[in-house]
Amino acid sequence: MTAKKLKKFKDLLLEEKKKTLDELLSGNETYESLKEDSHGDMADMAFQAYEKQNLVNFSQKEKDKLEMLNNALKRIEDGTYGKCIDCKEEISEERLTAIPQTLRCVSCMAKYEDKKRREKM
């Protein structure tokens, strides 16, 4: 994947993370004041510390989504972003645009979900 595309997906992931945190924490006075005072690296560190502190208060679904977003950002840094964890093929750009934190291509995701459904029976 090109550097330009990686930047596009990193921006999508960061925007999704910001939106998720904004939805979860809107109305929280401490968060609102941190958000308003954000100026560079110190603000980033404060957000990260605040995020970690408050993850315990989120529902499991919310925790899972934030964890997936953070893991996708790490995959961008380590060069594995955009590759299916099962078949190792490139995930389509359309899928990554729709679900930037995805781990699997459409085909492998269908197989994975089918397997999970059968295990529940």
PDB file of N, CA and C in Angstrom:
ATOM      1  N   MET A   1       0.850  -1.177   0.000  1.00  0.00           N
ATOM      2  CA  MET A   1       0.000   0.000   0.000  1.00  0.00           C
ATOM      3  C   MET A   1       0.895   1.240   0.000  1.00  0.00           C
ATOM      4  N   THR A   2       0.514   2.221  -0.761  1.00  0.00           N
ATOM      5  CA  THR A   2       1.325   3.433  -0.875  1.00  0.00           C
ATOM      6  C   THR A   2       1.242   4.277   0.392  1.00  0.00           C
ATOM      7  N   ALA A   3       2.237   5.125   0.576  1.00  0.00           N
ATOM      8  CA  ALA A   3       2.267   6.016   1.739  1.00  0.00           C
ATOM      9  C   ALA A   3       1.052   6.944   1.745  1.00  0.00           C
ATOM     10  N   LYS A   4       0.637   7.381   0.566  1.00  0.00           N
ATOM     11  CA  LYS A   4      -0.519   8.268   0.459  1.00  0.00           C
ATOM     12  C   LYS A   4      -1.794   7.569   0.933  1.00  0.00           C
ATOM     13  N   LYS A   5      -1.968   6.309   0.522  1.00  0.00           N
ATOM     14  CA  LYS A   5      -3.150   5.558   0.963  1.00  0.00           C
ATOM     15  C   LYS A   5      -3.090   5.263   2.457  1.00  0.00           C
ATOM     16  N   LEU A   6      -1.907   4.924   2.962  1.00  0.00           N
ATOM     17  CA  LEU A   6      -1.770   4.680   4.399  1.00  0.00           C
ATOM     18  C   LEU A   6      -2.150   5.922   5.197  1.00  0.00           C
ATOM     19  N   LYS A   7      -1.727   7.088   4.727  1.00  0.00           N
ATOM     20  CA  LYS A   7      -2.087   8.332   5.418  1.00  0.00           C
ATOM     21  C   LYS A   7      -3.595   8.540   5.392  1.00  0.00           C
ATOM     22  N   LYS A   8      -4.215   8.234   4.256  1.00  0.00           N
ATOM     23  CA  LYS A   8      -5.671   8.365   4.134  1.00  0.00           C
ATOM     24  C   LYS A   8      -6.374   7.492   5.176  1.00  0.00           C
ATOM     25  N   PHE A   9      -5.916   6.232   5.305  1.00  0.00           N
ATOM     26  CA  PHE A   9      -6.561   5.328   6.252  1.00  0.00           C
ATOM     27  C   PHE A   9      -6.225   5.688   7.694  1.00  0.00           C
ATOM     28  N   LYS A  10      -5.023   6.188   7.932  1.00  0.00           N
ATOM     29  CA  LYS A  10      -4.668   6.636   9.281  1.00  0.00           C
ATOM     30  C   LYS A  10      -5.580   7.793   9.678  1.00  0.00           C
ATOM     31  N   ASP A  11      -5.792   8.730   8.753  1.00  0.00           N
ATOM     32  CA  ASP A  11      -6.698   9.849   9.028  1.00  0.00           C
ATOM     33  C   ASP A  11      -8.118   9.364   9.291  1.00  0.00           C
ATOM     34  N   LEU A  12      -8.583   8.372   8.505  1.00  0.00           N
ATOM     35  CA  LEU A  12      -9.919   7.797   8.736  1.00  0.00           C
ATOM     36  C   LEU A  12     -10.013   7.170  10.124  1.00  0.00           C
ATOM     37  N   LEU A  13      -8.991   6.412  10.508  1.00  0.00           N
ATOM     38  CA  LEU A  13      -8.983   5.759  11.815  1.00  0.00           C
ATOM     39  C   LEU A  13      -8.964   6.782  12.945  1.00  0.00           C
ATOM     40  N   LEU A  14      -8.143   7.806  12.803  1.00  0.00           N
ATOM     41  CA  LEU A  14      -8.078   8.845  13.842  1.00  0.00           C
ATOM     42  C   LEU A  14      -9.398   9.597  13.957  1.00  0.00           C
ATOM     43  N   GLU A  15     -10.031   9.867  12.827  1.00  0.00           N
ATOM     44  CA  GLU A  15     -11.331  10.544  12.843  1.00  0.00           C
ATOM     45  C   GLU A  15     -12.389   9.655  13.507  1.00  0.00           C
ATOM     46  N   GLU A  16     -12.378   8.375  13.184  1.00  0.00           N
ATOM     47  CA  GLU A  16     -13.332   7.439  13.787  1.00  0.00           C
ATOM     48  C   GLU A  16     -13.098   7.327  15.289  1.00  0.00           C
ATOM     49  N   LYS A  17     -11.828   7.304  15.695  1.00  0.00           N
ATOM     50  CA  LYS A  17     -11.504   7.237  17.118  1.00  0.00           C
ATOM     51  C   LYS A  17     -11.986   8.501  17.828  1.00  0.00           C
ATOM     52  N   LYS A  18     -11.740   9.656  17.226  1.00  0.00           N
ATOM     53  CA  LYS A  18     -12.185  10.925  17.813  1.00  0.00           C
ATOM     54  C   LYS A  18     -13.703  10.949  17.932  1.00  0.00           C
ATOM     55  N   LYS A  19     -14.385  10.517  16.867  1.00  0.00           N
ATOM     56  CA  LYS A  19     -15.851  10.505  16.868  1.00  0.00           C
ATOM     57  C   LYS A  19     -16.381   9.566  17.955  1.00  0.00           C
ATOM     58  N   THR A  20     -15.767   8.401  18.077  1.00  0.00           N
ATOM     59  CA  THR A  20     -16.186   7.433  19.092  1.00  0.00           C
ATOM     60  C   THR A  20     -15.991   8.008  20.487  1.00  0.00           C
ATOM     61  N   LEU A  21     -14.831   8.599  20.731  1.00  0.00           N
ATOM     62  CA  LEU A  21     -14.576   9.196  22.039  1.00  0.00           C
ATOM     63  C   LEU A  21     -15.500  10.371  22.304  1.00  0.00           C
ATOM     64  N   ASP A  22     -15.740  11.185  21.293  1.00  0.00           N
ATOM     65  CA  ASP A  22     -16.664  12.314  21.461  1.00  0.00           C
ATOM     66  C   ASP A  22     -18.057  11.830  21.838  1.00  0.00           C
ATOM     67  N   GLU A  23     -18.524  10.776  21.175  1.00  0.00           N
ATOM     68  CA  GLU A  23     -19.850  10.225  21.475  1.00  0.00           C
ATOM     69  C   GLU A  23     -19.898   9.663  22.887  1.00  0.00           C
ATOM     70  N   LEU A  24     -18.847   8.969  23.273  1.00  0.00           N
ATOM     71  CA  LEU A  24     -18.821   8.323  24.583  1.00  0.00           C
ATOM     72  C   LEU A  24     -18.693   9.320  25.720  1.00  0.00           C
ATOM     73  N   LEU A  25     -17.940  10.366  25.470  1.00  0.00           N
ATOM     74  CA  LEU A  25     -17.595  11.269  26.560  1.00  0.00           C
ATOM     75  C   LEU A  25     -18.287  12.617  26.496  1.00  0.00           C
ATOM     76  N   SER A  26     -19.140  12.820  25.503  1.00  0.00           N
ATOM     77  CA  SER A  26     -19.792  14.126  25.397  1.00  0.00           C
ATOM     78  C   SER A  26     -20.560  14.419  26.681  1.00  0.00           C
ATOM     79  N   GLY A  27     -20.447  15.644  27.117  1.00  0.00           N
ATOM     80  CA  GLY A  27     -21.101  16.039  28.360  1.00  0.00           C
ATOM     81  C   GLY A  27     -20.207  15.888  29.568  1.00  0.00           C
ATOM     82  N   ASN A  28     -19.098  15.171  29.435  1.00  0.00           N
ATOM     83  CA  ASN A  28     -18.166  15.020  30.539  1.00  0.00           C
ATOM     84  C   ASN A  28     -17.308  16.292  30.594  1.00  0.00           C
ATOM     85  N   GLU A  29     -17.389  17.038  31.682  1.00  0.00           N
ATOM     86  CA  GLU A  29     -16.731  18.348  31.765  1.00  0.00           C
ATOM     87  C   GLU A  29     -15.217  18.256  31.636  1.00  0.00           C
ATOM     88  N   THR A  30     -14.589  17.271  32.254  1.00  0.00           N
ATOM     89  CA  THR A  30     -13.131  17.135  32.176  1.00  0.00           C
ATOM     90  C   THR A  30     -12.706  16.883  30.744  1.00  0.00           C
ATOM     91  N   TYR A  31     -13.414  15.988  30.062  1.00  0.00           N
ATOM     92  CA  TYR A  31     -13.096  15.688  28.663  1.00  0.00           C
ATOM     93  C   TYR A  31     -13.287  16.921  27.797  1.00  0.00           C
ATOM     94  N   GLU A  32     -14.383  17.632  27.998  1.00  0.00           N
ATOM     95  CA  GLU A  32     -14.659  18.814  27.197  1.00  0.00           C
ATOM     96  C   GLU A  32     -13.555  19.862  27.371  1.00  0.00           C
ATOM     97  N   SER A  33     -13.077  20.046  28.606  1.00  0.00           N
ATOM     98  CA  SER A  33     -12.016  21.040  28.807  1.00  0.00           C
ATOM     99  C   SER A  33     -10.701  20.570  28.199  1.00  0.00           C
ATOM    100  N   LEU A  34     -10.396  19.285  28.257  1.00  0.00           N
ATOM    101  CA  LEU A  34      -9.189  18.759  27.607  1.00  0.00           C
ATOM    102  C   LEU A  34      -9.276  18.949  26.103  1.00  0.00           C
ATOM    103  N   LYS A  35     -10.451  18.687  25.541  1.00  0.00           N
ATOM    104  CA  LYS A  35     -10.636  18.810  24.100  1.00  0.00           C
ATOM    105  C   LYS A  35     -10.439  20.256  23.656  1.00  0.00           C
ATOM    106  N   GLU A  36     -10.966  21.183  24.422  1.00  0.00           N
ATOM    107  CA  GLU A  36     -10.848  22.600  24.062  1.00  0.00           C
ATOM    108  C   GLU A  36      -9.419  23.097  24.190  1.00  0.00           C
ATOM    109  N   ASP A  37      -8.648  22.552  25.116  1.00  0.00           N
ATOM    110  CA  ASP A  37      -7.290  23.024  25.374  1.00  0.00           C
ATOM    111  C   ASP A  37      -6.233  22.248  24.598  1.00  0.00           C
ATOM    112  N   SER A  38      -6.613  21.421  23.633  1.00  0.00           N
ATOM    113  CA  SER A  38      -5.633  20.588  22.945  1.00  0.00           C
ATOM    114  C   SER A  38      -4.691  21.425  22.085  1.00  0.00           C
ATOM    115  N   HIS A  39      -3.394  21.319  22.401  1.00  0.00           N
ATOM    116  CA  HIS A  39      -2.352  22.038  21.671  1.00  0.00           C
ATOM    117  C   HIS A  39      -1.118  21.145  21.548  1.00  0.00           C
ATOM    118  N   GLY A  40      -1.095  20.188  20.637  1.00  0.00           N
ATOM    119  CA  GLY A  40       0.115  19.429  20.355  1.00  0.00           C
ATOM    120  C   GLY A  40       0.333  18.215  21.226  1.00  0.00           C
ATOM    121  N   ASP A  41       1.612  17.900  21.428  1.00  0.00           N
ATOM    122  CA  ASP A  41       2.007  16.644  22.061  1.00  0.00           C
ATOM    123  C   ASP A  41       1.500  16.472  23.490  1.00  0.00           C
ATOM    124  N   MET A  42       1.549  17.510  24.286  1.00  0.00           N
ATOM    125  CA  MET A  42       1.067  17.397  25.665  1.00  0.00           C
ATOM    126  C   MET A  42      -0.426  17.081  25.683  1.00  0.00           C
ATOM    127  N   ALA A  43      -1.154  17.696  24.787  1.00  0.00           N
ATOM    128  CA  ALA A  43      -2.588  17.421  24.713  1.00  0.00           C
ATOM    129  C   ALA A  43      -2.827  15.983  24.278  1.00  0.00           C
ATOM    130  N   ASP A  44      -2.023  15.495  23.328  1.00  0.00           N
ATOM    131  CA  ASP A  44      -2.154  14.104  22.891  1.00  0.00           C
ATOM    132  C   ASP A  44      -1.924  13.151  24.058  1.00  0.00           C
ATOM    133  N   MET A  45      -0.899  13.419  24.854  1.00  0.00           N
ATOM    134  CA  MET A  45      -0.611  12.559  26.005  1.00  0.00           C
ATOM    135  C   MET A  45      -1.745  12.630  27.024  1.00  0.00           C
ATOM    136  N   ALA A  46      -2.290  13.818  27.220  1.00  0.00           N
ATOM    137  CA  ALA A  46      -3.402  13.955  28.163  1.00  0.00           C
ATOM    138  C   ALA A  46      -4.616  13.173  27.684  1.00  0.00           C
ATOM    139  N   PHE A  47      -4.911  13.274  26.379  1.00  0.00           N
ATOM    140  CA  PHE A  47      -6.032  12.502  25.825  1.00  0.00           C
ATOM    141  C   PHE A  47      -5.816  11.013  26.015  1.00  0.00           C
ATOM    142  N   GLN A  48      -4.607  10.544  25.752  1.00  0.00           N
ATOM    143  CA  GLN A  48      -4.328   9.113  25.894  1.00  0.00           C
ATOM    144  C   GLN A  48      -4.499   8.670  27.342  1.00  0.00           C
ATOM    145  N   ALA A  49      -3.975   9.455  28.273  1.00  0.00           N
ATOM    146  CA  ALA A  49      -4.113   9.115  29.689  1.00  0.00           C
ATOM    147  C   ALA A  49      -5.577   9.132  30.103  1.00  0.00           C
ATOM    148  N   TYR A  50      -6.287  10.143  29.661  1.00  0.00           N
ATOM    149  CA  TYR A  50      -7.699  10.256  29.994  1.00  0.00           C
ATOM    150  C   TYR A  50      -8.490   9.107  29.390  1.00  0.00           C
ATOM    151  N   GLU A  51      -8.158   8.756  28.148  1.00  0.00           N
ATOM    152  CA  GLU A  51      -8.839   7.655  27.472  1.00  0.00           C
ATOM    153  C   GLU A  51      -8.641   6.359  28.246  1.00  0.00           C
ATOM    154  N   LYS A  52      -7.417   6.068  28.633  1.00  0.00           N
ATOM    155  CA  LYS A  52      -7.135   4.834  29.372  1.00  0.00           C
ATOM    156  C   LYS A  52      -7.883   4.811  30.702  1.00  0.00           C
ATOM    157  N   GLN A  53      -7.882   5.937  31.388  1.00  0.00           N
ATOM    158  CA  GLN A  53      -8.555   6.032  32.676  1.00  0.00           C
ATOM    159  C   GLN A  53     -10.048   5.747  32.548  1.00  0.00           C
ATOM    160  N   ASN A  54     -10.637   6.205  31.474  1.00  0.00           N
ATOM    161  CA  ASN A  54     -12.081   6.087  31.324  1.00  0.00           C
ATOM    162  C   ASN A  54     -12.543   4.830  30.604  1.00  0.00           C
ATOM    163  N   LEU A  55     -11.621   4.063  30.025  1.00  0.00           N
ATOM    164  CA  LEU A  55     -12.037   2.846  29.333  1.00  0.00           C
ATOM    165  C   LEU A  55     -12.789   1.889  30.247  1.00  0.00           C
ATOM    166  N   VAL A  56     -12.462   1.898  31.533  1.00  0.00           N
ATOM    167  CA  VAL A  56     -13.146   1.009  32.467  1.00  0.00           C
ATOM    168  C   VAL A  56     -14.629   1.323  32.575  1.00  0.00           C
ATOM    169  N   ASN A  57     -15.016   2.548  32.244  1.00  0.00           N
ATOM    170  CA  ASN A  57     -16.415   2.945  32.355  1.00  0.00           C
ATOM    171  C   ASN A  57     -17.234   2.662  31.103  1.00  0.00           C
ATOM    172  N   PHE A  58     -16.603   2.297  30.019  1.00  0.00           N
ATOM    173  CA  PHE A  58     -17.298   2.068  28.764  1.00  0.00           C
ATOM    174  C   PHE A  58     -17.860   0.652  28.715  1.00  0.00           C
ATOM    175  N   SER A  59     -18.850   0.465  27.893  1.00  0.00           N
ATOM    176  CA  SER A  59     -19.383  -0.877  27.696  1.00  0.00           C
ATOM    177  C   SER A  59     -18.354  -1.705  26.946  1.00  0.00           C
ATOM    178  N   GLN A  60     -18.511  -3.007  26.966  1.00  0.00           N
ATOM    179  CA  GLN A  60     -17.569  -3.893  26.290  1.00  0.00           C
ATOM    180  C   GLN A  60     -17.512  -3.609  24.793  1.00  0.00           C
ATOM    181  N   LYS A  61     -18.651  -3.322  24.196  1.00  0.00           N
ATOM    182  CA  LYS A  61     -18.680  -3.025  22.760  1.00  0.00           C
ATOM    183  C   LYS A  61     -17.849  -1.780  22.452  1.00  0.00           C
ATOM    184  N   GLU A  62     -17.992  -0.764  23.275  1.00  0.00           N
ATOM    185  CA  GLU A  62     -17.230   0.465  23.088  1.00  0.00           C
ATOM    186  C   GLU A  62     -15.740   0.220  23.277  1.00  0.00           C
ATOM    187  N   LYS A  63     -15.388  -0.566  24.289  1.00  0.00           N
ATOM    188  CA  LYS A  63     -13.985  -0.911  24.535  1.00  0.00           C
ATOM    189  C   LYS A  63     -13.406  -1.657  23.341  1.00  0.00           C
ATOM    190  N   ASP A  64     -14.168  -2.615  22.825  1.00  0.00           N
ATOM    191  CA  ASP A  64     -13.706  -3.407  21.686  1.00  0.00           C
ATOM    192  C   ASP A  64     -13.453  -2.536  20.460  1.00  0.00           C
ATOM    193  N   LYS A  65     -14.354  -1.582  20.206  1.00  0.00           N
ATOM    194  CA  LYS A  65     -14.185  -0.721  19.041  1.00  0.00           C
ATOM    195  C   LYS A  65     -12.939   0.148  19.179  1.00  0.00           C
ATOM    196  N   LEU A  66     -12.736   0.749  20.345  1.00  0.00           N
ATOM    197  CA  LEU A  66     -11.548   1.569  20.552  1.00  0.00           C
ATOM    198  C   LEU A  66     -10.274   0.736  20.450  1.00  0.00           C
ATOM    199  N   GLU A  67     -10.317  -0.462  20.981  1.00  0.00           N
ATOM    200  CA  GLU A  67      -9.151  -1.344  20.897  1.00  0.00           C
ATOM    201  C   GLU A  67      -8.850  -1.699  19.436  1.00  0.00           C
ATOM    202  N   MET A  68      -9.885  -1.982  18.662  1.00  0.00           N
ATOM    203  CA  MET A  68      -9.677  -2.301  17.245  1.00  0.00           C
ATOM    204  C   MET A  68      -9.109  -1.099  16.487  1.00  0.00           C
ATOM    205  N   LEU A  69      -9.599   0.095  16.791  1.00  0.00           N
ATOM    206  CA  LEU A  69      -9.079   1.299  16.147  1.00  0.00           C
ATOM    207  C   LEU A  69      -7.608   1.516  16.509  1.00  0.00           C
ATOM    208  N   ASN A  70      -7.288   1.355  17.784  1.00  0.00           N
ATOM    209  CA  ASN A  70      -5.893   1.514  18.224  1.00  0.00           C
ATOM    210  C   ASN A  70      -4.993   0.450  17.598  1.00  0.00           C
ATOM    211  N   ASN A  71      -5.481  -0.777  17.512  1.00  0.00           N
ATOM    212  CA  ASN A  71      -4.691  -1.846  16.902  1.00  0.00           C
ATOM    213  C   ASN A  71      -4.465  -1.593  15.416  1.00  0.00           C
ATOM    214  N   ALA A  72      -5.465  -1.049  14.732  1.00  0.00           N
ATOM    215  CA  ALA A  72      -5.307  -0.726  13.312  1.00  0.00           C
ATOM    216  C   ALA A  72      -4.248   0.358  13.136  1.00  0.00           C
ATOM    217  N   LEU A  73      -4.242   1.341  14.027  1.00  0.00           N
ATOM    218  CA  LEU A  73      -3.212   2.386  13.964  1.00  0.00           C
ATOM    219  C   LEU A  73      -1.823   1.793  14.184  1.00  0.00           C
ATOM    220  N   LYS A  74      -1.714   0.819  15.084  1.00  0.00           N
ATOM    221  CA  LYS A  74      -0.425   0.136  15.300  1.00  0.00           C
ATOM    222  C   LYS A  74      -0.009  -0.648  14.062  1.00  0.00           C
ATOM    223  N   ARG A  75      -0.984  -1.277  13.387  1.00  0.00           N
ATOM    224  CA  ARG A  75      -0.659  -2.033  12.175  1.00  0.00           C
ATOM    225  C   ARG A  75      -0.143  -1.111  11.073  1.00  0.00           C
ATOM    226  N   ILE A  76      -0.650   0.116  11.023  1.00  0.00           N
ATOM    227  CA  ILE A  76      -0.118   1.082  10.060  1.00  0.00           C
ATOM    228  C   ILE A  76       1.359   1.330  10.365  1.00  0.00           C
ATOM    229  N   GLU A  77       1.670   1.510  11.635  1.00  0.00           N
ATOM    230  CA  GLU A  77       3.052   1.785  12.036  1.00  0.00           C
ATOM    231  C   GLU A  77       3.981   0.596  11.769  1.00  0.00           C
ATOM    232  N   ASP A  78       3.482  -0.621  11.970  1.00  0.00           N
ATOM    233  CA  ASP A  78       4.373  -1.781  11.777  1.00  0.00           C
ATOM    234  C   ASP A  78       4.324  -2.374  10.364  1.00  0.00           C
ATOM    235  N   GLY A  79       3.534  -1.761   9.489  1.00  0.00           N
ATOM    236  CA  GLY A  79       3.537  -2.167   8.083  1.00  0.00           C
ATOM    237  C   GLY A  79       2.640  -3.332   7.719  1.00  0.00           C
ATOM    238  N   THR A  80       1.742  -3.731   8.620  1.00  0.00           N
ATOM    239  CA  THR A  80       0.862  -4.862   8.321  1.00  0.00           C
ATOM    240  C   THR A  80      -0.576  -4.445   8.026  1.00  0.00           C
ATOM    241  N   TYR A  81      -0.847  -3.153   8.062  1.00  0.00           N
ATOM    242  CA  TYR A  81      -2.213  -2.674   7.828  1.00  0.00           C
ATOM    243  C   TYR A  81      -2.649  -2.979   6.394  1.00  0.00           C
ATOM    244  N   GLY A  82      -3.912  -3.404   6.275  1.00  0.00           N
ATOM    245  CA  GLY A  82      -4.480  -3.649   4.950  1.00  0.00           C
ATOM    246  C   GLY A  82      -4.303  -5.060   4.446  1.00  0.00           C
ATOM    247  N   LYS A  83      -3.677  -5.918   5.245  1.00  0.00           N
ATOM    248  CA  LYS A  83      -3.511  -7.323   4.870  1.00  0.00           C
ATOM    249  C   LYS A  83      -4.426  -8.171   5.741  1.00  0.00           C
ATOM    250  N   CYS A  84      -5.137  -9.073   5.117  1.00  0.00           N
ATOM    251  CA  CYS A  84      -6.039  -9.974   5.827  1.00  0.00           C
ATOM    252  C   CYS A  84      -5.230 -10.862   6.767  1.00  0.00           C
ATOM    253  N   ILE A  85      -5.689 -10.999   8.005  1.00  0.00           N
ATOM    254  CA  ILE A  85      -4.953 -11.811   8.972  1.00  0.00           C
ATOM    255  C   ILE A  85      -5.080 -13.304   8.688  1.00  0.00           C
ATOM    256  N   ASP A  86      -6.065 -13.684   7.875  1.00  0.00           N
ATOM    257  CA  ASP A  86      -6.254 -15.101   7.570  1.00  0.00           C
ATOM    258  C   ASP A  86      -5.536 -15.518   6.285  1.00  0.00           C
ATOM    259  N   CYS A  87      -5.852 -14.877   5.170  1.00  0.00           N
ATOM    260  CA  CYS A  87      -5.292 -15.296   3.875  1.00  0.00           C
ATOM    261  C   CYS A  87      -4.045 -14.500   3.476  1.00  0.00           C
ATOM    262  N   LYS A  88      -3.750 -13.434   4.223  1.00  0.00           N
ATOM    263  CA  LYS A  88      -2.573 -12.579   3.990  1.00  0.00           C
ATOM    264  C   LYS A  88      -2.651 -11.755   2.701  1.00  0.00           C
ATOM    265  N   GLU A  89      -3.793 -11.775   2.019  1.00  0.00           N
ATOM    266  CA  GLU A  89      -3.980 -10.968   0.810  1.00  0.00           C
ATOM    267  C   GLU A  89      -4.370  -9.548   1.206  1.00  0.00           C
ATOM    268  N   GLU A  90      -4.214  -8.616   0.250  1.00  0.00           N
ATOM    269  CA  GLU A  90      -4.610  -7.231   0.485  1.00  0.00           C
ATOM    270  C   GLU A  90      -6.132  -7.147   0.651  1.00  0.00           C
ATOM    271  N   ILE A  91      -6.581  -6.385   1.629  1.00  0.00           N
ATOM    272  CA  ILE A  91      -8.003  -6.106   1.818  1.00  0.00           C
ATOM    273  C   ILE A  91      -8.360  -4.989   0.844  1.00  0.00           C
ATOM    274  N   SER A  92      -9.519  -5.093   0.208  1.00  0.00           N
ATOM    275  CA  SER A  92      -9.902  -4.093  -0.790  1.00  0.00           C
ATOM    276  C   SER A  92      -9.997  -2.702  -0.170  1.00  0.00           C
ATOM    277  N   GLU A  93      -9.661  -1.711  -0.973  1.00  0.00           N
ATOM    278  CA  GLU A  93      -9.715  -0.326  -0.522  1.00  0.00           C
ATOM    279  C   GLU A  93     -11.144   0.062  -0.141  1.00  0.00           C
ATOM    280  N   GLU A  94     -12.127  -0.478  -0.869  1.00  0.00           N
ATOM    281  CA  GLU A  94     -13.525  -0.183  -0.558  1.00  0.00           C
ATOM    282  C   GLU A  94     -13.886  -0.670   0.843  1.00  0.00           C
ATOM    283  N   ARG A  95     -13.432  -1.871   1.190  1.00  0.00           N
ATOM    284  CA  ARG A  95     -13.718  -2.424   2.513  1.00  0.00           C
ATOM    285  C   ARG A  95     -13.012  -1.605   3.596  1.00  0.00           C
ATOM    286  N   LEU A  96     -11.758  -1.254   3.353  1.00  0.00           N
ATOM    287  CA  LEU A  96     -11.017  -0.470   4.336  1.00  0.00           C
ATOM    288  C   LEU A  96     -11.627   0.920   4.517  1.00  0.00           C
ATOM    289  N   THR A  97     -12.161   1.467   3.458  1.00  0.00           N
ATOM    290  CA  THR A  97     -12.817   2.770   3.561  1.00  0.00           C
ATOM    291  C   THR A  97     -14.084   2.662   4.409  1.00  0.00           C
ATOM    292  N   ALA A  98     -14.822   1.581   4.216  1.00  0.00           N
ATOM    293  CA  ALA A  98     -16.066   1.376   4.967  1.00  0.00           C
ATOM    294  C   ALA A  98     -15.803   0.995   6.419  1.00  0.00           C
ATOM    295  N   ILE A  99     -14.802   0.124   6.636  1.00  0.00           N
ATOM    296  CA  ILE A  99     -14.479  -0.371   7.977  1.00  0.00           C
ATOM    297  C   ILE A  99     -12.954  -0.334   8.123  1.00  0.00           C
ATOM    298  N   PRO A 100     -12.398   0.842   8.402  1.00  0.00           N
ATOM    299  CA  PRO A 100     -10.930   0.959   8.393  1.00  0.00           C
ATOM    300  C   PRO A 100     -10.204   0.096   9.422  1.00  0.00           C
ATOM    301  N   GLN A 101     -10.898  -0.345  10.467  1.00  0.00           N
ATOM    302  CA  GLN A 101     -10.259  -1.163  11.492  1.00  0.00           C
ATOM    303  C   GLN A 101     -10.372  -2.669  11.224  1.00  0.00           C
ATOM    304  N   THR A 102     -10.920  -3.046  10.070  1.00  0.00           N
ATOM    305  CA  THR A 102     -11.146  -4.449   9.782  1.00  0.00           C
ATOM    306  C   THR A 102      -9.849  -5.263   9.741  1.00  0.00           C
ATOM    307  N   LEU A 103      -9.949  -6.517  10.123  1.00  0.00           N
ATOM    308  CA  LEU A 103      -8.804  -7.430  10.117  1.00  0.00           C
ATOM    309  C   LEU A 103      -8.838  -8.397   8.932  1.00  0.00           C
ATOM    310  N   ARG A 104     -10.023  -8.555   8.344  1.00  0.00           N
ATOM    311  CA  ARG A 104     -10.200  -9.591   7.329  1.00  0.00           C
ATOM    312  C   ARG A 104     -10.804  -9.041   6.043  1.00  0.00           C
ATOM    313  N   CYS A 105     -10.471  -9.706   4.934  1.00  0.00           N
ATOM    314  CA  CYS A 105     -11.117  -9.402   3.663  1.00  0.00           C
ATOM    315  C   CYS A 105     -12.560  -9.931   3.727  1.00  0.00           C
ATOM    316  N   VAL A 106     -13.365  -9.572   2.752  1.00  0.00           N
ATOM    317  CA  VAL A 106     -14.781  -9.960   2.753  1.00  0.00           C
ATOM    318  C   VAL A 106     -14.926 -11.480   2.795  1.00  0.00           C
ATOM    319  N   SER A 107     -14.162 -12.171   1.969  1.00  0.00           N
ATOM    320  CA  SER A 107     -14.267 -13.624   1.885  1.00  0.00           C
ATOM    321  C   SER A 107     -13.914 -14.296   3.214  1.00  0.00           C
ATOM    322  N   CYS A 108     -12.796 -13.900   3.804  1.00  0.00           N
ATOM    323  CA  CYS A 108     -12.379 -14.506   5.069  1.00  0.00           C
ATOM    324  C   CYS A 108     -13.305 -14.121   6.216  1.00  0.00           C
ATOM    325  N   MET A 109     -13.867 -12.921   6.171  1.00  0.00           N
ATOM    326  CA  MET A 109     -14.816 -12.512   7.211  1.00  0.00           C
ATOM    327  C   MET A 109     -16.076 -13.359   7.144  1.00  0.00           C
ATOM    328  N   ALA A 110     -16.542 -13.648   5.940  1.00  0.00           N
ATOM    329  CA  ALA A 110     -17.724 -14.499   5.784  1.00  0.00           C
ATOM    330  C   ALA A 110     -17.450 -15.885   6.364  1.00  0.00           C
ATOM    331  N   LYS A 111     -16.279 -16.438   6.080  1.00  0.00           N
ATOM    332  CA  LYS A 111     -15.903 -17.749   6.620  1.00  0.00           C
ATOM    333  C   LYS A 111     -15.810 -17.708   8.139  1.00  0.00           C
ATOM    334  N   TYR A 112     -15.211 -16.638   8.668  1.00  0.00           N
ATOM    335  CA  TYR A 112     -15.054 -16.476  10.107  1.00  0.00           C
ATOM    336  C   TYR A 112     -16.412 -16.402  10.802  1.00  0.00           C
ATOM    337  N   GLU A 113     -17.321 -15.591  10.248  1.00  0.00           N
ATOM    338  CA  GLU A 113     -18.653 -15.456  10.847  1.00  0.00           C
ATOM    339  C   GLU A 113     -19.435 -16.757  10.757  1.00  0.00           C
ATOM    340  N   ASP A 114     -19.297 -17.475   9.652  1.00  0.00           N
ATOM    341  CA  ASP A 114     -19.970 -18.761   9.498  1.00  0.00           C
ATOM    342  C   ASP A 114     -19.467 -19.749  10.543  1.00  0.00           C
ATOM    343  N   LYS A 115     -18.164 -19.772  10.755  1.00  0.00           N
ATOM    344  CA  LYS A 115     -17.573 -20.662  11.761  1.00  0.00           C
ATOM    345  C   LYS A 115     -18.086 -20.314  13.153  1.00  0.00           C
ATOM    346  N   LYS A 116     -18.137 -19.013  13.476  1.00  0.00           N
ATOM    347  CA  LYS A 116     -18.641 -18.597  14.788  1.00  0.00           C
ATOM    348  C   LYS A 116     -20.104 -18.997  14.965  1.00  0.00           C
ATOM    349  N   ARG A 117     -20.904 -18.857  13.893  1.00  0.00           N
ATOM    350  CA  ARG A 117     -22.324 -19.229  13.977  1.00  0.00           C
ATOM    351  C   ARG A 117     -22.465 -20.722  14.256  1.00  0.00           C
ATOM    352  N   ARG A 118     -21.667 -21.539  13.559  1.00  0.00           N
ATOM    353  CA  ARG A 118     -21.741 -22.996  13.754  1.00  0.00           C
ATOM    354  C   ARG A 118     -21.300 -23.395  15.156  1.00  0.00           C
ATOM    355  N   GLU A 119     -20.340 -22.674  15.719  1.00  0.00           N
ATOM    356  CA  GLU A 119     -19.854 -22.987  17.074  1.00  0.00           C
ATOM    357  C   GLU A 119     -20.913 -22.696  18.125  1.00  0.00           C
ATOM    358  N   LYS A 120     -21.798 -21.752  17.861  1.00  0.00           N
ATOM    359  CA  LYS A 120     -22.854 -21.402  18.819  1.00  0.00           C
ATOM    360  C   LYS A 120     -23.970 -22.441  18.861  1.00  0.00           C
ATOM    361  N   MET A 121     -24.080 -23.216  17.794  1.00  0.00           N
ATOM    362  CA  MET A 121     -25.175 -24.189  17.715  1.00  0.00           C
ATOM    363  C   MET A 121     -24.956 -25.356  18.626  1.00  0.00           C
TER     364      MET A 121
END
